[in-house]
Amino acid sequence: MQDVCVRTGIRKRPLQHHEQIRVATKYPKIARTYFDNKKHQTAEIIKLNGSIELAPIVGLSDVIVDIVETGSTLRENGLSVLEEVCPLSARMVVNPVSMKMEQQRIAKIIEALRALPDEVK
């Protein structure tokens, strides 16, 4: 899922309507859409690459918008999820020509993925 995350202990309340905040993210369009259309909130979006979770620690941003799977990286950096932006899921896309040419090989990969436990998927 994609979440708004904040330093633990700094902010425990939801973001307030029309509150000016700085947001660091690898996904500026998603963040802009979320804050403009869903939160109706003024946000300065800072596009970063790399370790987004460092932005609040060094004072570059108030919050981050990032993909969170287990939350271990967040906890390691003293961050916690404040709000969920949107759920995410992975998709496997196969080129039709490749599927015809490599059907057995691709079928094995698909079977292996289906056999994974739900908590890993």
PDB file of N, CA and C in Angstrom:
ATOM      1  N   MET A   1       0.830  -1.165   0.000  1.00  0.00           N
ATOM      2  CA  MET A   1       0.000   0.000   0.000  1.00  0.00           C
ATOM      3  C   MET A   1       0.881   1.237   0.000  1.00  0.00           C
ATOM      4  N   GLN A   2       0.329   2.321  -0.452  1.00  0.00           N
ATOM      5  CA  GLN A   2       1.070   3.578  -0.456  1.00  0.00           C
ATOM      6  C   GLN A   2       0.525   4.428   0.680  1.00  0.00           C
ATOM      7  N   ASP A   3       1.427   4.917   1.536  1.00  0.00           N
ATOM      8  CA  ASP A   3       1.007   5.576   2.761  1.00  0.00           C
ATOM      9  C   ASP A   3       1.681   6.921   2.963  1.00  0.00           C
ATOM     10  N   VAL A   4       1.037   7.752   3.789  1.00  0.00           N
ATOM     11  CA  VAL A   4       1.648   8.961   4.316  1.00  0.00           C
ATOM     12  C   VAL A   4       2.289   8.545   5.627  1.00  0.00           C
ATOM     13  N   CYS A   5       3.585   8.788   5.779  1.00  0.00           N
ATOM     14  CA  CYS A   5       4.316   8.362   6.977  1.00  0.00           C
ATOM     15  C   CYS A   5       4.955   9.571   7.651  1.00  0.00           C
ATOM     16  N   VAL A   6       5.130   9.446   8.964  1.00  0.00           N
ATOM     17  CA  VAL A   6       5.637  10.559   9.758  1.00  0.00           C
ATOM     18  C   VAL A   6       6.553  10.015  10.842  1.00  0.00           C
ATOM     19  N   ARG A   7       7.444  10.861  11.364  1.00  0.00           N
ATOM     20  CA  ARG A   7       8.319  10.442  12.466  1.00  0.00           C
ATOM     21  C   ARG A   7       7.479  10.090  13.679  1.00  0.00           C
ATOM     22  N   THR A   8       7.759   8.951  14.273  1.00  0.00           N
ATOM     23  CA  THR A   8       7.032   8.484  15.442  1.00  0.00           C
ATOM     24  C   THR A   8       7.155   9.494  16.575  1.00  0.00           C
ATOM     25  N   GLY A   9       6.017   9.798  17.201  1.00  0.00           N
ATOM     26  CA  GLY A   9       6.007  10.721  18.330  1.00  0.00           C
ATOM     27  C   GLY A   9       5.901  12.185  17.943  1.00  0.00           C
ATOM     28  N   ILE A  10       6.132  12.515  16.699  1.00  0.00           N
ATOM     29  CA  ILE A  10       6.075  13.920  16.269  1.00  0.00           C
ATOM     30  C   ILE A  10       4.627  14.331  15.992  1.00  0.00           C
ATOM     31  N   ARG A  11       3.894  13.490  15.278  1.00  0.00           N
ATOM     32  CA  ARG A  11       2.523  13.813  14.893  1.00  0.00           C
ATOM     33  C   ARG A  11       1.686  12.543  15.014  1.00  0.00           C
ATOM     34  N   LYS A  12       0.710  12.564  15.901  1.00  0.00           N
ATOM     35  CA  LYS A  12      -0.152  11.397  16.069  1.00  0.00           C
ATOM     36  C   LYS A  12      -1.553  11.658  15.545  1.00  0.00           C
ATOM     37  N   ARG A  13      -1.861  12.914  15.262  1.00  0.00           N
ATOM     38  CA  ARG A  13      -3.192  13.241  14.776  1.00  0.00           C
ATOM     39  C   ARG A  13      -3.195  13.229  13.245  1.00  0.00           C
ATOM     40  N   PRO A  14      -4.367  13.019  12.636  1.00  0.00           N
ATOM     41  CA  PRO A  14      -4.452  13.079  11.169  1.00  0.00           C
ATOM     42  C   PRO A  14      -4.076  14.476  10.671  1.00  0.00           C
ATOM     43  N   LEU A  15      -3.699  14.540   9.410  1.00  0.00           N
ATOM     44  CA  LEU A  15      -3.388  15.834   8.813  1.00  0.00           C
ATOM     45  C   LEU A  15      -4.643  16.691   8.784  1.00  0.00           C
ATOM     46  N   GLN A  16      -4.504  17.959   9.113  1.00  0.00           N
ATOM     47  CA  GLN A  16      -5.643  18.859   9.204  1.00  0.00           C
ATOM     48  C   GLN A  16      -5.925  19.519   7.861  1.00  0.00           C
ATOM     49  N   HIS A  17      -7.200  19.763   7.597  1.00  0.00           N
ATOM     50  CA  HIS A  17      -7.670  20.427   6.389  1.00  0.00           C
ATOM     51  C   HIS A  17      -6.973  21.791   6.252  1.00  0.00           C
ATOM     52  N   HIS A  18      -6.430  22.075   5.095  1.00  0.00           N
ATOM     53  CA  HIS A  18      -5.750  23.336   4.763  1.00  0.00           C
ATOM     54  C   HIS A  18      -4.466  23.585   5.553  1.00  0.00           C
ATOM     55  N   GLU A  19      -3.925  22.570   6.182  1.00  0.00           N
ATOM     56  CA  GLU A  19      -2.661  22.712   6.896  1.00  0.00           C
ATOM     57  C   GLU A  19      -1.516  22.639   5.874  1.00  0.00           C
ATOM     58  N   GLN A  20      -0.615  23.603   5.869  1.00  0.00           N
ATOM     59  CA  GLN A  20       0.529  23.617   4.950  1.00  0.00           C
ATOM     60  C   GLN A  20       1.573  22.608   5.424  1.00  0.00           C
ATOM     61  N   ILE A  21       1.940  21.662   4.562  1.00  0.00           N
ATOM     62  CA  ILE A  21       2.955  20.669   4.923  1.00  0.00           C
ATOM     63  C   ILE A  21       3.929  20.467   3.766  1.00  0.00           C
ATOM     64  N   ARG A  22       5.112  19.949   4.095  1.00  0.00           N
ATOM     65  CA  ARG A  22       6.104  19.568   3.082  1.00  0.00           C
ATOM     66  C   ARG A  22       6.100  18.048   3.000  1.00  0.00           C
ATOM     67  N   VAL A  23       6.006  17.523   1.756  1.00  0.00           N
ATOM     68  CA  VAL A  23       5.883  16.090   1.514  1.00  0.00           C
ATOM     69  C   VAL A  23       7.014  15.629   0.604  1.00  0.00           C
ATOM     70  N   ALA A  24       7.818  14.678   1.077  1.00  0.00           N
ATOM     71  CA  ALA A  24       8.869  14.085   0.253  1.00  0.00           C
ATOM     72  C   ALA A  24       8.353  12.761  -0.307  1.00  0.00           C
ATOM     73  N   THR A  25       8.638  12.503  -1.583  1.00  0.00           N
ATOM     74  CA  THR A  25       8.137  11.288  -2.213  1.00  0.00           C
ATOM     75  C   THR A  25       8.867  10.982  -3.514  1.00  0.00           C
ATOM     76  N   LYS A  26       8.822   9.719  -3.907  1.00  0.00           N
ATOM     77  CA  LYS A  26       9.284   9.295  -5.233  1.00  0.00           C
ATOM     78  C   LYS A  26       8.131   9.406  -6.226  1.00  0.00           C
ATOM     79  N   TYR A  27       6.922   9.636  -5.713  1.00  0.00           N
ATOM     80  CA  TYR A  27       5.701   9.596  -6.517  1.00  0.00           C
ATOM     81  C   TYR A  27       4.958  10.930  -6.435  1.00  0.00           C
ATOM     82  N   PRO A  28       5.515  11.987  -7.050  1.00  0.00           N
ATOM     83  CA  PRO A  28       4.930  13.319  -6.889  1.00  0.00           C
ATOM     84  C   PRO A  28       3.513  13.461  -7.458  1.00  0.00           C
ATOM     85  N   LYS A  29       3.202  12.783  -8.544  1.00  0.00           N
ATOM     86  CA  LYS A  29       1.853  12.906  -9.118  1.00  0.00           C
ATOM     87  C   LYS A  29       0.809  12.284  -8.202  1.00  0.00           C
ATOM     88  N   ILE A  30       1.115  11.124  -7.642  1.00  0.00           N
ATOM     89  CA  ILE A  30       0.187  10.471  -6.717  1.00  0.00           C
ATOM     90  C   ILE A  30       0.019  11.333  -5.467  1.00  0.00           C
ATOM     91  N   ALA A  31       1.119  11.840  -4.933  1.00  0.00           N
ATOM     92  CA  ALA A  31       1.062  12.680  -3.735  1.00  0.00           C
ATOM     93  C   ALA A  31       0.266  13.950  -4.012  1.00  0.00           C
ATOM     94  N   ARG A  32       0.520  14.606  -5.139  1.00  0.00           N
ATOM     95  CA  ARG A  32      -0.186  15.840  -5.492  1.00  0.00           C
ATOM     96  C   ARG A  32      -1.692  15.573  -5.614  1.00  0.00           C
ATOM     97  N   THR A  33      -2.058  14.515  -6.304  1.00  0.00           N
ATOM     98  CA  THR A  33      -3.472  14.165  -6.469  1.00  0.00           C
ATOM     99  C   THR A  33      -4.123  13.901  -5.115  1.00  0.00           C
ATOM    100  N   TYR A  34      -3.433  13.162  -4.259  1.00  0.00           N
ATOM    101  CA  TYR A  34      -3.977  12.838  -2.937  1.00  0.00           C
ATOM    102  C   TYR A  34      -4.210  14.096  -2.112  1.00  0.00           C
ATOM    103  N   PHE A  35      -3.211  14.959  -2.012  1.00  0.00           N
ATOM    104  CA  PHE A  35      -3.350  16.133  -1.161  1.00  0.00           C
ATOM    105  C   PHE A  35      -4.289  17.184  -1.761  1.00  0.00           C
ATOM    106  N   ASP A  36      -4.302  17.328  -3.088  1.00  0.00           N
ATOM    107  CA  ASP A  36      -5.186  18.309  -3.723  1.00  0.00           C
ATOM    108  C   ASP A  36      -6.641  17.847  -3.738  1.00  0.00           C
ATOM    109  N   ASN A  37      -6.872  16.602  -4.147  1.00  0.00           N
ATOM    110  CA  ASN A  37      -8.241  16.146  -4.397  1.00  0.00           C
ATOM    111  C   ASN A  37      -8.900  15.418  -3.230  1.00  0.00           C
ATOM    112  N   LYS A  38      -8.120  14.692  -2.441  1.00  0.00           N
ATOM    113  CA  LYS A  38      -8.724  13.926  -1.341  1.00  0.00           C
ATOM    114  C   LYS A  38      -8.615  14.651  -0.006  1.00  0.00           C
ATOM    115  N   LYS A  39      -7.493  15.299   0.244  1.00  0.00           N
ATOM    116  CA  LYS A  39      -7.291  15.983   1.523  1.00  0.00           C
ATOM    117  C   LYS A  39      -7.636  17.469   1.441  1.00  0.00           C
ATOM    118  N   HIS A  40      -7.681  18.024   0.221  1.00  0.00           N
ATOM    119  CA  HIS A  40      -7.902  19.464   0.029  1.00  0.00           C
ATOM    120  C   HIS A  40      -6.939  20.246   0.928  1.00  0.00           C
ATOM    121  N   GLN A  41      -5.674  19.874   0.773  1.00  0.00           N
ATOM    122  CA  GLN A  41      -4.642  20.383   1.666  1.00  0.00           C
ATOM    123  C   GLN A  41      -3.499  20.985   0.852  1.00  0.00           C
ATOM    124  N   THR A  42      -2.971  22.098   1.319  1.00  0.00           N
ATOM    125  CA  THR A  42      -1.847  22.734   0.656  1.00  0.00           C
ATOM    126  C   THR A  42      -0.578  21.977   1.015  1.00  0.00           C
ATOM    127  N   ALA A  43       0.100  21.459  -0.013  1.00  0.00           N
ATOM    128  CA  ALA A  43       1.305  20.666   0.237  1.00  0.00           C
ATOM    129  C   ALA A  43       2.398  21.060  -0.744  1.00  0.00           C
ATOM    130  N   GLU A  44       3.581  21.235  -0.212  1.00  0.00           N
ATOM    131  CA  GLU A  44       4.760  21.432  -1.047  1.00  0.00           C
ATOM    132  C   GLU A  44       5.322  20.034  -1.300  1.00  0.00           C
ATOM    133  N   ILE A  45       5.294  19.594  -2.555  1.00  0.00           N
ATOM    134  CA  ILE A  45       5.744  18.250  -2.908  1.00  0.00           C
ATOM    135  C   ILE A  45       7.222  18.313  -3.291  1.00  0.00           C
ATOM    136  N   ILE A  46       8.041  17.507  -2.636  1.00  0.00           N
ATOM    137  CA  ILE A  46       9.479  17.452  -2.897  1.00  0.00           C
ATOM    138  C   ILE A  46       9.791  16.086  -3.481  1.00  0.00           C
ATOM    139  N   LYS A  47      10.168  16.056  -4.767  1.00  0.00           N
ATOM    140  CA  LYS A  47      10.490  14.771  -5.402  1.00  0.00           C
ATOM    141  C   LYS A  47      11.904  14.354  -5.027  1.00  0.00           C
ATOM    142  N   LEU A  48      12.003  13.148  -4.480  1.00  0.00           N
ATOM    143  CA  LEU A  48      13.298  12.585  -4.100  1.00  0.00           C
ATOM    144  C   LEU A  48      13.439  11.189  -4.666  1.00  0.00           C
ATOM    145  N   ASN A  49      14.664  10.766  -4.816  1.00  0.00           N
ATOM    146  CA  ASN A  49      14.956   9.375  -5.168  1.00  0.00           C
ATOM    147  C   ASN A  49      15.822   8.809  -4.056  1.00  0.00           C
ATOM    148  N   GLY A  50      15.771   7.520  -3.879  1.00  0.00           N
ATOM    149  CA  GLY A  50      16.601   6.922  -2.837  1.00  0.00           C
ATOM    150  C   GLY A  50      15.842   6.717  -1.553  1.00  0.00           C
ATOM    151  N   SER A  51      16.490   6.958  -0.441  1.00  0.00           N
ATOM    152  CA  SER A  51      15.925   6.692   0.886  1.00  0.00           C
ATOM    153  C   SER A  51      15.006   7.822   1.328  1.00  0.00           C
ATOM    154  N   ILE A  52      13.764   7.762   0.903  1.00  0.00           N
ATOM    155  CA  ILE A  52      12.767   8.788   1.216  1.00  0.00           C
ATOM    156  C   ILE A  52      12.574   8.935   2.716  1.00  0.00           C
ATOM    157  N   GLU A  53      12.706   7.817   3.442  1.00  0.00           N
ATOM    158  CA  GLU A  53      12.448   7.849   4.887  1.00  0.00           C
ATOM    159  C   GLU A  53      13.417   8.740   5.665  1.00  0.00           C
ATOM    160  N   LEU A  54      14.499   9.176   5.024  1.00  0.00           N
ATOM    161  CA  LEU A  54      15.439  10.071   5.694  1.00  0.00           C
ATOM    162  C   LEU A  54      14.976  11.528   5.678  1.00  0.00           C
ATOM    163  N   ALA A  55      14.074  11.881   4.776  1.00  0.00           N
ATOM    164  CA  ALA A  55      13.646  13.279   4.616  1.00  0.00           C
ATOM    165  C   ALA A  55      13.106  13.908   5.902  1.00  0.00           C
ATOM    166  N   PRO A  56      12.198  13.258   6.633  1.00  0.00           N
ATOM    167  CA  PRO A  56      11.729  13.882   7.884  1.00  0.00           C
ATOM    168  C   PRO A  56      12.810  13.923   8.961  1.00  0.00           C
ATOM    169  N   ILE A  57      13.709  12.964   8.952  1.00  0.00           N
ATOM    170  CA  ILE A  57      14.766  12.890   9.968  1.00  0.00           C
ATOM    171  C   ILE A  57      15.723  14.067   9.848  1.00  0.00           C
ATOM    172  N   VAL A  58      16.044  14.452   8.605  1.00  0.00           N
ATOM    173  CA  VAL A  58      16.976  15.567   8.387  1.00  0.00           C
ATOM    174  C   VAL A  58      16.258  16.917   8.244  1.00  0.00           C
ATOM    175  N   GLY A  59      14.930  16.926   8.431  1.00  0.00           N
ATOM    176  CA  GLY A  59      14.166  18.169   8.392  1.00  0.00           C
ATOM    177  C   GLY A  59      13.798  18.655   7.009  1.00  0.00           C
ATOM    178  N   LEU A  60      13.953  17.808   6.001  1.00  0.00           N
ATOM    179  CA  LEU A  60      13.618  18.193   4.634  1.00  0.00           C
ATOM    180  C   LEU A  60      12.103  18.222   4.402  1.00  0.00           C
ATOM    181  N   SER A  61      11.368  17.366   5.116  1.00  0.00           N
ATOM    182  CA  SER A  61       9.916  17.314   4.940  1.00  0.00           C
ATOM    183  C   SER A  61       9.229  17.019   6.272  1.00  0.00           C
ATOM    184  N   ASP A  62       7.925  17.294   6.301  1.00  0.00           N
ATOM    185  CA  ASP A  62       7.114  16.966   7.475  1.00  0.00           C
ATOM    186  C   ASP A  62       6.676  15.507   7.435  1.00  0.00           C
ATOM    187  N   VAL A  63       6.312  15.058   6.239  1.00  0.00           N
ATOM    188  CA  VAL A  63       5.843  13.684   6.040  1.00  0.00           C
ATOM    189  C   VAL A  63       6.423  13.153   4.737  1.00  0.00           C
ATOM    190  N   ILE A  64       6.263  11.830   4.528  1.00  0.00           N
ATOM    191  CA  ILE A  64       6.641  11.225   3.247  1.00  0.00           C
ATOM    192  C   ILE A  64       5.449  10.458   2.706  1.00  0.00           C
ATOM    193  N   VAL A  65       5.418  10.275   1.398  1.00  0.00           N
ATOM    194  CA  VAL A  65       4.476   9.361   0.756  1.00  0.00           C
ATOM    195  C   VAL A  65       5.349   8.310   0.102  1.00  0.00           C
ATOM    196  N   ASP A  66       5.163   7.062   0.524  1.00  0.00           N
ATOM    197  CA  ASP A  66       6.014   5.984   0.023  1.00  0.00           C
ATOM    198  C   ASP A  66       5.247   4.673   0.047  1.00  0.00           C
ATOM    199  N   ILE A  67       5.768   3.685  -0.648  1.00  0.00           N
ATOM    200  CA  ILE A  67       5.191   2.345  -0.632  1.00  0.00           C
ATOM    201  C   ILE A  67       5.673   1.637   0.624  1.00  0.00           C
ATOM    202  N   VAL A  68       4.722   1.078   1.368  1.00  0.00           N
ATOM    203  CA  VAL A  68       5.040   0.378   2.605  1.00  0.00           C
ATOM    204  C   VAL A  68       4.563  -1.057   2.483  1.00  0.00           C
ATOM    205  N   GLU A  69       5.478  -2.001   2.688  1.00  0.00           N
ATOM    206  CA  GLU A  69       5.091  -3.409   2.649  1.00  0.00           C
ATOM    207  C   GLU A  69       4.955  -3.951   4.060  1.00  0.00           C
ATOM    208  N   THR A  70       6.059  -4.052   4.769  1.00  0.00           N
ATOM    209  CA  THR A  70       6.026  -4.615   6.118  1.00  0.00           C
ATOM    210  C   THR A  70       6.141  -3.540   7.187  1.00  0.00           C
ATOM    211  N   GLY A  71       6.677  -2.389   6.843  1.00  0.00           N
ATOM    212  CA  GLY A  71       6.860  -1.318   7.805  1.00  0.00           C
ATOM    213  C   GLY A  71       8.173  -1.383   8.564  1.00  0.00           C
ATOM    214  N   SER A  72       9.001  -2.396   8.280  1.00  0.00           N
ATOM    215  CA  SER A  72      10.259  -2.540   9.030  1.00  0.00           C
ATOM    216  C   SER A  72      11.218  -1.377   8.766  1.00  0.00           C
ATOM    217  N   THR A  73      11.318  -0.910   7.530  1.00  0.00           N
ATOM    218  CA  THR A  73      12.198   0.225   7.225  1.00  0.00           C
ATOM    219  C   THR A  73      11.696   1.480   7.927  1.00  0.00           C
ATOM    220  N   LEU A  74      10.380   1.644   7.984  1.00  0.00           N
ATOM    221  CA  LEU A  74       9.815   2.793   8.700  1.00  0.00           C
ATOM    222  C   LEU A  74      10.209   2.753  10.172  1.00  0.00           C
ATOM    223  N   ARG A  75       9.981   1.602  10.800  1.00  0.00           N
ATOM    224  CA  ARG A  75      10.308   1.470  12.229  1.00  0.00           C
ATOM    225  C   ARG A  75      11.796   1.700  12.493  1.00  0.00           C
ATOM    226  N   GLU A  76      12.650   1.175  11.614  1.00  0.00           N
ATOM    227  CA  GLU A  76      14.099   1.354  11.770  1.00  0.00           C
ATOM    228  C   GLU A  76      14.495   2.831  11.740  1.00  0.00           C
ATOM    229  N   ASN A  77      13.704   3.646  11.043  1.00  0.00           N
ATOM    230  CA  ASN A  77      14.001   5.069  10.915  1.00  0.00           C
ATOM    231  C   ASN A  77      13.102   5.942  11.786  1.00  0.00           C
ATOM    232  N   GLY A  78      12.409   5.316  12.746  1.00  0.00           N
ATOM    233  CA  GLY A  78      11.569   6.070  13.670  1.00  0.00           C
ATOM    234  C   GLY A  78      10.341   6.678  13.040  1.00  0.00           C
ATOM    235  N   LEU A  79       9.809   6.052  11.982  1.00  0.00           N
ATOM    236  CA  LEU A  79       8.619   6.554  11.294  1.00  0.00           C
ATOM    237  C   LEU A  79       7.439   5.623  11.536  1.00  0.00           C
ATOM    238  N   SER A  80       6.240   6.145  11.358  1.00  0.00           N
ATOM    239  CA  SER A  80       5.039   5.320  11.433  1.00  0.00           C
ATOM    240  C   SER A  80       4.040   5.818  10.398  1.00  0.00           C
ATOM    241  N   VAL A  81       3.107   4.952  10.036  1.00  0.00           N
ATOM    242  CA  VAL A  81       2.088   5.290   9.046  1.00  0.00           C
ATOM    243  C   VAL A  81       1.059   6.202   9.700  1.00  0.00           C
ATOM    244  N   LEU A  82       0.775   7.308   9.036  1.00  0.00           N
ATOM    245  CA  LEU A  82      -0.216   8.263   9.513  1.00  0.00           C
ATOM    246  C   LEU A  82      -1.548   8.049   8.794  1.00  0.00           C
ATOM    247  N   GLU A  83      -1.498   7.869   7.479  1.00  0.00           N
ATOM    248  CA  GLU A  83      -2.700   7.662   6.664  1.00  0.00           C
ATOM    249  C   GLU A  83      -2.357   6.794   5.461  1.00  0.00           C
ATOM    250  N   GLU A  84      -3.330   6.019   5.001  1.00  0.00           N
ATOM    251  CA  GLU A  84      -3.157   5.232   3.778  1.00  0.00           C
ATOM    252  C   GLU A  84      -3.618   6.069   2.595  1.00  0.00           C
ATOM    253  N   VAL A  85      -2.751   6.158   1.583  1.00  0.00           N
ATOM    254  CA  VAL A  85      -3.091   6.915   0.376  1.00  0.00           C
ATOM    255  C   VAL A  85      -3.908   6.036  -0.555  1.00  0.00           C
ATOM    256  N   CYS A  86      -3.401   4.846  -0.851  1.00  0.00           N
ATOM    257  CA  CYS A  86      -4.124   3.913  -1.721  1.00  0.00           C
ATOM    258  C   CYS A  86      -3.520   2.518  -1.604  1.00  0.00           C
ATOM    259  N   PRO A  87      -4.351   1.492  -1.766  1.00  0.00           N
ATOM    260  CA  PRO A  87      -3.815   0.128  -1.763  1.00  0.00           C
ATOM    261  C   PRO A  87      -3.111  -0.141  -3.094  1.00  0.00           C
ATOM    262  N   LEU A  88      -2.097  -0.958  -3.059  1.00  0.00           N
ATOM    263  CA  LEU A  88      -1.357  -1.322  -4.266  1.00  0.00           C
ATOM    264  C   LEU A  88      -1.298  -2.834  -4.393  1.00  0.00           C
ATOM    265  N   SER A  89      -1.177  -3.304  -5.616  1.00  0.00           N
ATOM    266  CA  SER A  89      -0.972  -4.732  -5.840  1.00  0.00           C
ATOM    267  C   SER A  89      -0.090  -4.917  -7.068  1.00  0.00           C
ATOM    268  N   ALA A  90       0.608  -6.019  -7.092  1.00  0.00           N
ATOM    269  CA  ALA A  90       1.497  -6.321  -8.216  1.00  0.00           C
ATOM    270  C   ALA A  90       0.734  -7.098  -9.283  1.00  0.00           C
ATOM    271  N   ARG A  91       1.135  -6.925 -10.505  1.00  0.00           N
ATOM    272  CA  ARG A  91       0.526  -7.635 -11.629  1.00  0.00           C
ATOM    273  C   ARG A  91       1.631  -8.251 -12.475  1.00  0.00           C
ATOM    274  N   MET A  92       1.355  -9.422 -12.994  1.00  0.00           N
ATOM    275  CA  MET A  92       2.301 -10.052 -13.917  1.00  0.00           C
ATOM    276  C   MET A  92       1.740  -9.876 -15.326  1.00  0.00           C
ATOM    277  N   VAL A  93       2.523  -9.288 -16.191  1.00  0.00           N
ATOM    278  CA  VAL A  93       2.111  -9.050 -17.567  1.00  0.00           C
ATOM    279  C   VAL A  93       3.036  -9.860 -18.467  1.00  0.00           C
ATOM    280  N   VAL A  94       2.437 -10.618 -19.380  1.00  0.00           N
ATOM    281  CA  VAL A  94       3.223 -11.452 -20.279  1.00  0.00           C
ATOM    282  C   VAL A  94       2.926 -11.038 -21.710  1.00  0.00           C
ATOM    283  N   ASN A  95       3.966 -10.818 -22.457  1.00  0.00           N
ATOM    284  CA  ASN A  95       3.846 -10.522 -23.875  1.00  0.00           C
ATOM    285  C   ASN A  95       3.220 -11.741 -24.561  1.00  0.00           C
ATOM    286  N   PRO A  96       2.172 -11.561 -25.400  1.00  0.00           N
ATOM    287  CA  PRO A  96       1.511 -12.704 -26.052  1.00  0.00           C
ATOM    288  C   PRO A  96       2.468 -13.577 -26.881  1.00  0.00           C
ATOM    289  N   VAL A  97       3.421 -12.960 -27.552  1.00  0.00           N
ATOM    290  CA  VAL A  97       4.378 -13.729 -28.351  1.00  0.00           C
ATOM    291  C   VAL A  97       5.270 -14.564 -27.433  1.00  0.00           C
ATOM    292  N   SER A  98       5.731 -13.953 -26.336  1.00  0.00           N
ATOM    293  CA  SER A  98       6.550 -14.693 -25.377  1.00  0.00           C
ATOM    294  C   SER A  98       5.769 -15.849 -24.777  1.00  0.00           C
ATOM    295  N   MET A  99       4.487 -15.634 -24.508  1.00  0.00           N
ATOM    296  CA  MET A  99       3.667 -16.692 -23.925  1.00  0.00           C
ATOM    297  C   MET A  99       3.584 -17.887 -24.871  1.00  0.00           C
ATOM    298  N   LYS A 100       3.502 -17.626 -26.155  1.00  0.00           N
ATOM    299  CA  LYS A 100       3.451 -18.718 -27.133  1.00  0.00           C
ATOM    300  C   LYS A 100       4.805 -19.415 -27.244  1.00  0.00           C
ATOM    301  N   MET A 101       5.873 -18.622 -27.247  1.00  0.00           N
ATOM    302  CA  MET A 101       7.216 -19.179 -27.458  1.00  0.00           C
ATOM    303  C   MET A 101       7.777 -19.845 -26.196  1.00  0.00           C
ATOM    304  N   GLU A 102       7.422 -19.326 -25.028  1.00  0.00           N
ATOM    305  CA  GLU A 102       7.997 -19.790 -23.761  1.00  0.00           C
ATOM    306  C   GLU A 102       6.906 -20.245 -22.784  1.00  0.00           C
ATOM    307  N   GLN A 103       5.861 -20.871 -23.313  1.00  0.00           N
ATOM    308  CA  GLN A 103       4.700 -21.197 -22.497  1.00  0.00           C
ATOM    309  C   GLN A 103       5.036 -22.052 -21.270  1.00  0.00           C
ATOM    310  N   GLN A 104       5.829 -23.099 -21.445  1.00  0.00           N
ATOM    311  CA  GLN A 104       6.158 -23.973 -20.307  1.00  0.00           C
ATOM    312  C   GLN A 104       6.948 -23.224 -19.236  1.00  0.00           C
ATOM    313  N   ARG A 105       7.923 -22.481 -19.660  1.00  0.00           N
ATOM    314  CA  ARG A 105       8.748 -21.730 -18.710  1.00  0.00           C
ATOM    315  C   ARG A 105       7.918 -20.701 -17.938  1.00  0.00           C
ATOM    316  N   ILE A 106       7.068 -19.968 -18.632  1.00  0.00           N
ATOM    317  CA  ILE A 106       6.230 -18.958 -17.999  1.00  0.00           C
ATOM    318  C   ILE A 106       5.188 -19.616 -17.100  1.00  0.00           C
ATOM    319  N   ALA A 107       4.636 -20.739 -17.523  1.00  0.00           N
ATOM    320  CA  ALA A 107       3.653 -21.462 -16.702  1.00  0.00           C
ATOM    321  C   ALA A 107       4.271 -21.906 -15.374  1.00  0.00           C
ATOM    322  N   LYS A 108       5.540 -22.307 -15.392  1.00  0.00           N
ATOM    323  CA  LYS A 108       6.227 -22.706 -14.158  1.00  0.00           C
ATOM    324  C   LYS A 108       6.370 -21.512 -13.211  1.00  0.00           C
ATOM    325  N   ILE A 109       6.688 -20.367 -13.759  1.00  0.00           N
ATOM    326  CA  ILE A 109       6.823 -19.159 -12.940  1.00  0.00           C
ATOM    327  C   ILE A 109       5.472 -18.808 -12.317  1.00  0.00           C
ATOM    328  N   ILE A 110       4.414 -18.862 -13.115  1.00  0.00           N
ATOM    329  CA  ILE A 110       3.073 -18.548 -12.615  1.00  0.00           C
ATOM    330  C   ILE A 110       2.670 -19.529 -11.513  1.00  0.00           C
ATOM    331  N   GLU A 111       2.935 -20.806 -11.706  1.00  0.00           N
ATOM    332  CA  GLU A 111       2.620 -21.817 -10.684  1.00  0.00           C
ATOM    333  C   GLU A 111       3.387 -21.547  -9.392  1.00  0.00           C
ATOM    334  N   ALA A 112       4.666 -21.201  -9.518  1.00  0.00           N
ATOM    335  CA  ALA A 112       5.483 -20.918  -8.340  1.00  0.00           C
ATOM    336  C   ALA A 112       4.944 -19.697  -7.584  1.00  0.00           C
ATOM    337  N   LEU A 113       4.507 -18.677  -8.298  1.00  0.00           N
ATOM    338  CA  LEU A 113       3.941 -17.492  -7.658  1.00  0.00           C
ATOM    339  C   LEU A 113       2.623 -17.824  -6.957  1.00  0.00           C
ATOM    340  N   ARG A 114       1.798 -18.629  -7.584  1.00  0.00           N
ATOM    341  CA  ARG A 114       0.513 -19.011  -6.971  1.00  0.00           C
ATOM    342  C   ARG A 114       0.710 -19.865  -5.725  1.00  0.00           C
ATOM    343  N   ALA A 115       1.816 -20.601  -5.657  1.00  0.00           N
ATOM    344  CA  ALA A 115       2.081 -21.487  -4.530  1.00  0.00           C
ATOM    345  C   ALA A 115       2.613 -20.736  -3.300  1.00  0.00           C
ATOM    346  N   LEU A 116       2.992 -19.482  -3.461  1.00  0.00           N
ATOM    347  CA  LEU A 116       3.515 -18.696  -2.334  1.00  0.00           C
ATOM    348  C   LEU A 116       2.428 -18.493  -1.280  1.00  0.00           C
ATOM    349  N   PRO A 117       2.803 -18.482  -0.016  1.00  0.00           N
ATOM    350  CA  PRO A 117       1.825 -18.190   1.039  1.00  0.00           C
ATOM    351  C   PRO A 117       1.274 -16.777   0.880  1.00  0.00           C
ATOM    352  N   ASP A 118       0.041 -16.538   1.311  1.00  0.00           N
ATOM    353  CA  ASP A 118      -0.592 -15.237   1.165  1.00  0.00           C
ATOM    354  C   ASP A 118       0.186 -14.099   1.795  1.00  0.00           C
ATOM    355  N   GLU A 119       0.845 -14.341   2.942  1.00  0.00           N
ATOM    356  CA  GLU A 119       1.585 -13.263   3.600  1.00  0.00           C
ATOM    357  C   GLU A 119       2.809 -12.828   2.820  1.00  0.00           C
ATOM    358  N   VAL A 120       3.290 -13.664   1.889  1.00  0.00           N
ATOM    359  CA  VAL A 120       4.424 -13.298   1.050  1.00  0.00           C
ATOM    360  C   VAL A 120       3.939 -12.574  -0.200  1.00  0.00           C
ATOM    361  N   LYS A 121       2.761 -12.930  -0.660  1.00  0.00           N
ATOM    362  CA  LYS A 121       2.218 -12.322  -1.872  1.00  0.00           C
ATOM    363  C   LYS A 121       1.931 -10.899  -1.580  1.00  0.00           C
TER     364      LYS A 121
END
